[in-house]
């Protein structure tokens, strides 16, 4: 690991509240009887490894996360944003939806999923819940994104942007402690599951993030495209599984 990468890693864990580091030491094997051993010089010193605590500070709260985000300038996404989009809904909900990042409408209002994709998500949640006899509305669940600032031209967030902002997403999830998470789209799936697999391979079955069940499904913006009618049916099936997992 080069110095720049190490500096970035240490800075990331500093922001998470990590205060201690250790370097693992391994003892050389004892020489065999009658043998002369010449110790090999290592090519480079062993890297420092962080002592990994919980991702969240002790006694963490949503208000503390908001305060820690502040007027965030930790990554380049702040340069073009209008408002930070923290999240919305019931902060004690047993179900959390995680999307990719804010779009233009979200950036203007400071709320997640308020544009066309958000309207479709509301219909999905409330329509599916109604058909399944589950008395919940959109306001009963919690909705947030992997990144809190709008990427330029709605591009996919870069890995370093997801890493920087992901610490706050993880803290939100640890505070809420939902019974299930629904990951909307590949960016959310990659952030939560650390996978390179796409939605089509991941959807329809349960995964886990820190022992919390995760269901991956299509992002509503993908479902708005007219040629994705089959995906709409699959997304509704995914959502039915999520709702029955949590509310049955």
Protein backbone atom coordinates (compact mmCIF):
# COMPACT_ATOMS: atom_id res chain seq x y z
CA UNK A 1 0.00 0.00 0.00
CA UNK A 2 1.51 3.36 -1.03
CA UNK A 3 1.56 6.40 1.23
CA UNK A 4 -1.35 8.17 -0.48
CA UNK A 5 -3.60 5.14 -0.18
CA UNK A 6 -2.58 4.62 3.45
CA UNK A 7 -3.20 8.29 4.24
CA UNK A 8 -6.67 8.07 2.68
CA UNK A 9 -7.47 4.90 4.61
CA UNK A 10 -6.33 6.39 7.92
CA UNK A 11 -8.30 9.56 7.25
CA UNK A 12 -11.42 7.48 6.56
CA UNK A 13 -11.14 5.63 9.86
CA UNK A 14 -10.29 8.86 11.68
CA UNK A 15 -13.65 10.21 10.51
CA UNK A 16 -15.28 7.05 11.86
CA UNK A 17 -13.79 7.76 15.30
CA UNK A 18 -10.93 5.24 15.22
CA UNK A 19 -8.25 6.42 17.64
CA UNK A 20 -5.94 3.40 17.92
CA UNK A 21 -3.87 1.50 15.40
CA UNK A 22 -1.69 -1.52 15.74
CA UNK A 23 0.86 -3.22 13.56
CA UNK A 24 0.77 -7.00 13.81
CA UNK A 25 4.07 -8.57 14.78
CA UNK A 26 4.99 -12.14 13.92
CA UNK A 27 7.80 -13.95 15.67
CA UNK A 28 10.35 -15.82 13.52
CA UNK A 29 10.29 -19.58 13.68
CA UNK A 30 13.00 -21.04 15.95
CA UNK A 31 16.01 -22.51 14.10
CA UNK A 32 16.23 -26.25 13.72
CA UNK A 33 19.01 -27.99 15.73
CA UNK A 34 22.33 -27.89 13.92
CA UNK A 35 21.10 -25.36 11.39
CA UNK A 36 22.22 -21.80 10.96
CA UNK A 37 19.39 -19.42 10.12
CA UNK A 38 19.88 -16.11 8.39
CA UNK A 39 16.89 -13.83 8.90
CA UNK A 40 15.49 -12.43 5.67
CA UNK A 41 15.03 -8.68 5.59
CA UNK A 42 11.46 -7.71 4.73
CA UNK A 43 11.08 -5.70 1.54
CA UNK A 44 8.93 -3.14 3.31
CA UNK A 45 7.51 -2.72 6.83
CA UNK A 46 4.14 -4.34 7.50
CA UNK A 47 1.21 -1.97 6.94
CA UNK A 48 -0.65 -0.47 9.86
CA UNK A 49 -3.99 -2.14 10.35
CA UNK A 50 -6.85 -0.26 11.95
CA UNK A 51 -8.46 -1.58 15.10
CA UNK A 52 -11.97 -1.87 13.73
CA UNK A 53 -14.62 -0.76 16.22
CA UNK A 54 -18.30 -0.48 15.50
CA UNK A 55 -18.92 1.81 12.55
CA UNK A 56 -20.93 4.08 14.84
CA UNK A 57 -19.76 6.04 17.90
CA UNK A 58 -21.18 4.88 21.21
CA UNK A 59 -24.62 6.33 21.83
CA UNK A 60 -25.00 7.45 18.23
CA UNK A 61 -28.20 9.23 17.15
CA UNK A 62 -29.62 10.60 13.92
CA UNK A 63 -29.16 14.12 15.24
CA UNK A 64 -25.49 13.45 15.95
CA UNK A 65 -25.04 12.09 12.41
CA UNK A 66 -26.61 15.26 11.00
CA UNK A 67 -24.26 17.36 13.12
CA UNK A 68 -21.23 15.33 12.01
CA UNK A 69 -22.16 15.74 8.35
CA UNK A 70 -22.55 19.48 8.85
CA UNK A 71 -21.90 21.52 5.71
CA UNK A 72 -19.93 18.60 4.31
CA UNK A 73 -16.98 19.20 1.98
CA UNK A 74 -15.34 15.79 2.38
CA UNK A 75 -15.59 14.87 -1.32
CA UNK A 76 -16.00 16.61 -4.67
CA UNK A 77 -19.78 16.14 -4.74
CA UNK A 78 -20.28 19.16 -2.49
CA UNK A 79 -19.04 21.46 -5.24
CA UNK A 80 -22.25 21.35 -7.29
CA UNK A 81 -24.89 20.57 -4.70
CA UNK A 82 -27.73 22.80 -3.59
CA UNK A 83 -28.83 20.86 -0.48
CA UNK A 84 -27.59 17.84 1.43
CA UNK A 85 -30.21 15.08 1.26
CA UNK A 86 -29.98 13.29 4.60
CA UNK A 87 -33.04 11.03 4.50
CA UNK A 88 -36.73 11.10 5.40
CA UNK A 89 -39.45 9.05 7.01
CA UNK A 90 -39.85 7.17 10.26
CA UNK A 91 -36.47 7.02 11.98
CA UNK A 92 -37.70 4.05 14.02
CA UNK A 93 -39.00 2.14 11.02
CA UNK A 94 -38.38 -1.61 10.76
CA UNK A 95 -37.85 -1.13 7.00
CA UNK A 96 -35.29 1.10 5.25
CA UNK A 97 -35.00 1.77 1.52
CA UNK A 98 -31.56 2.77 0.25
CA UNK A 99 -31.10 4.42 -3.15
CA UNK A 100 -28.12 5.73 -5.07
CA UNK A 101 -28.08 9.51 -4.69
CA UNK A 102 -30.16 12.65 -5.07
CA UNK A 103 -31.39 13.89 -8.44
CA UNK A 104 -32.30 17.43 -9.42
CA UNK A 105 -35.64 17.50 -7.55
CA UNK A 106 -34.09 15.98 -4.45
CA UNK A 107 -31.18 18.42 -4.57
CA UNK A 108 -33.63 21.33 -4.75
CA UNK A 109 -35.87 20.16 -1.89
CA UNK A 110 -33.34 18.39 0.34
CA UNK A 111 -35.51 15.25 0.46
CA UNK A 112 -34.93 11.81 -1.12
CA UNK A 113 -37.10 10.35 -3.88
CA UNK A 114 -39.40 13.31 -4.58
CA UNK A 115 -39.10 13.36 -8.40
CA UNK A 116 -40.67 10.95 -10.88
CA UNK A 117 -38.71 8.00 -9.50
CA UNK A 118 -39.81 8.97 -6.01
CA UNK A 119 -43.44 9.11 -7.03
CA UNK A 120 -43.13 5.62 -8.48
CA UNK A 121 -41.46 4.39 -5.28
CA UNK A 122 -44.37 5.78 -3.26
CA UNK A 123 -46.82 3.95 -5.53
CA UNK A 124 -44.81 0.75 -5.18
CA UNK A 125 -44.73 0.90 -1.40
CA UNK A 126 -48.32 1.94 -0.82
CA UNK A 127 -49.85 0.00 -3.72
CA UNK A 128 -48.11 -3.26 -2.85
CA UNK A 129 -48.80 -2.86 0.86
CA UNK A 130 -52.49 -2.20 0.15
CA UNK A 131 -52.86 -5.26 -2.07
CA UNK A 132 -51.10 -7.41 0.54
CA UNK A 133 -53.27 -6.11 3.39
CA UNK A 134 -50.38 -4.36 5.13
CA UNK A 135 -51.48 -0.98 6.56
CA UNK A 136 -48.43 1.19 5.90
CA UNK A 137 -47.71 4.36 3.92
CA UNK A 138 -44.46 5.75 2.59
CA UNK A 139 -44.12 7.91 5.71
CA UNK A 140 -43.98 4.74 7.84
CA UNK A 141 -40.66 3.61 6.32
CA UNK A 142 -37.27 5.34 6.18
CA UNK A 143 -35.67 6.31 2.86
CA UNK A 144 -32.08 7.47 2.26
CA UNK A 145 -29.25 7.23 -0.27
CA UNK A 146 -25.67 6.02 -0.46
CA UNK A 147 -24.43 9.57 -1.18
CA UNK A 148 -26.06 12.68 0.28
CA UNK A 149 -25.14 15.14 -2.50
CA UNK A 150 -26.24 15.06 -6.13
CA UNK A 151 -23.58 13.73 -8.53
CA UNK A 152 -23.08 15.98 -11.58
CA UNK A 153 -25.54 15.16 -14.37
CA UNK A 154 -26.86 12.35 -12.16
CA UNK A 155 -23.81 10.21 -12.93
CA UNK A 156 -23.04 7.11 -10.86
CA UNK A 157 -21.11 7.98 -7.67
CA UNK A 158 -17.39 7.19 -7.79
CA UNK A 159 -15.98 4.58 -5.34
CA UNK A 160 -14.21 7.19 -3.20
CA UNK A 161 -17.40 9.26 -2.98
CA UNK A 162 -19.34 6.18 -1.91
CA UNK A 163 -16.70 5.34 0.69
CA UNK A 164 -16.63 8.85 2.12
CA UNK A 165 -20.40 9.23 2.33
CA UNK A 166 -21.06 5.57 3.09
CA UNK A 167 -19.91 5.99 6.69
CA UNK A 168 -22.97 8.16 7.34
CA UNK A 169 -25.31 5.72 5.63
CA UNK A 170 -23.93 2.88 7.76
CA UNK A 171 -24.37 4.96 10.92
CA UNK A 172 -27.98 5.69 9.96
CA UNK A 173 -28.67 1.98 9.54
CA UNK A 174 -26.99 1.13 12.83
CA UNK A 175 -29.08 3.73 14.67
CA UNK A 176 -32.35 2.57 13.08
CA UNK A 177 -31.55 -1.17 13.34
CA UNK A 178 -34.28 -2.14 10.84
CA UNK A 179 -35.62 -5.63 10.41
CA UNK A 180 -34.85 -5.43 6.68
CA UNK A 181 -33.22 -3.18 4.08
CA UNK A 182 -34.33 -2.82 0.47
CA UNK A 183 -31.44 -1.81 -1.80
CA UNK A 184 -32.70 0.09 -4.84
CA UNK A 185 -30.33 -0.46 -7.75
CA UNK A 186 -26.76 -1.62 -8.23
CA UNK A 187 -25.04 1.29 -6.46
CA UNK A 188 -26.93 0.64 -3.24
CA UNK A 189 -26.29 -3.10 -3.57
CA UNK A 190 -22.55 -2.56 -4.05
CA UNK A 191 -22.35 -0.19 -1.09
CA UNK A 192 -24.16 -2.56 1.26
CA UNK A 193 -22.92 -5.94 0.04
CA UNK A 194 -19.47 -5.12 -1.33
CA UNK A 195 -20.25 -7.00 -4.52
CA UNK A 196 -19.63 -6.44 -8.21
CA UNK A 197 -22.70 -8.42 -9.23
CA UNK A 198 -25.56 -6.61 -10.91
CA UNK A 199 -29.17 -6.30 -9.83
CA UNK A 200 -30.41 -9.06 -12.12
CA UNK A 201 -28.14 -11.56 -10.42
CA UNK A 202 -28.75 -10.31 -6.88
CA UNK A 203 -32.48 -9.60 -6.84
CA UNK A 204 -35.16 -11.97 -5.59
CA UNK A 205 -33.15 -13.51 -2.77
CA UNK A 206 -31.99 -12.41 0.65
CA UNK A 207 -28.51 -11.14 1.47
CA UNK A 208 -27.15 -9.65 4.68
CA UNK A 209 -25.55 -6.45 5.91
CA UNK A 210 -24.28 -6.84 9.48
CA UNK A 211 -26.86 -9.58 10.08
CA UNK A 212 -29.71 -7.40 8.75
CA UNK A 213 -31.55 -9.03 5.80
CA UNK A 214 -31.13 -7.14 2.52
CA UNK A 215 -33.31 -7.48 -0.56
CA UNK A 216 -31.94 -6.01 -3.80
CA UNK A 217 -34.33 -4.76 -6.46
CA UNK A 218 -34.42 -2.35 -9.37
CA UNK A 219 -34.10 1.39 -8.87
CA UNK A 220 -37.41 3.14 -9.67
CA UNK A 221 -35.71 5.30 -12.32
CA UNK A 222 -34.89 2.08 -14.22
CA UNK A 223 -38.52 1.03 -14.02
CA UNK A 224 -39.67 4.30 -15.58
CA UNK A 225 -38.21 3.28 -18.93
CA UNK A 226 -40.97 1.93 -21.19
CA UNK A 227 -39.06 -1.17 -22.27
CA UNK A 228 -38.62 -2.47 -18.71
CA UNK A 229 -42.12 -3.86 -18.13
CA UNK A 230 -40.85 -7.27 -17.00
CA UNK A 231 -38.59 -5.57 -14.47
CA UNK A 232 -41.63 -3.82 -12.98
CA UNK A 233 -43.29 -7.15 -12.28
CA UNK A 234 -40.09 -8.49 -10.72
CA UNK A 235 -39.69 -5.37 -8.56
CA UNK A 236 -43.22 -5.77 -7.22
CA UNK A 237 -42.44 -9.40 -6.35
CA UNK A 238 -39.28 -8.30 -4.54
CA UNK A 239 -41.20 -5.68 -2.60
CA UNK A 240 -43.85 -8.20 -1.56
CA UNK A 241 -41.09 -10.36 -0.05
CA UNK A 242 -39.69 -7.38 1.84
CA UNK A 243 -43.06 -6.30 3.23
CA UNK A 244 -44.00 -9.80 4.39
CA UNK A 245 -40.54 -10.28 5.92
CA UNK A 246 -41.02 -7.19 8.06
CA UNK A 247 -44.73 -6.88 8.73
CA UNK A 248 -46.06 -10.47 8.94
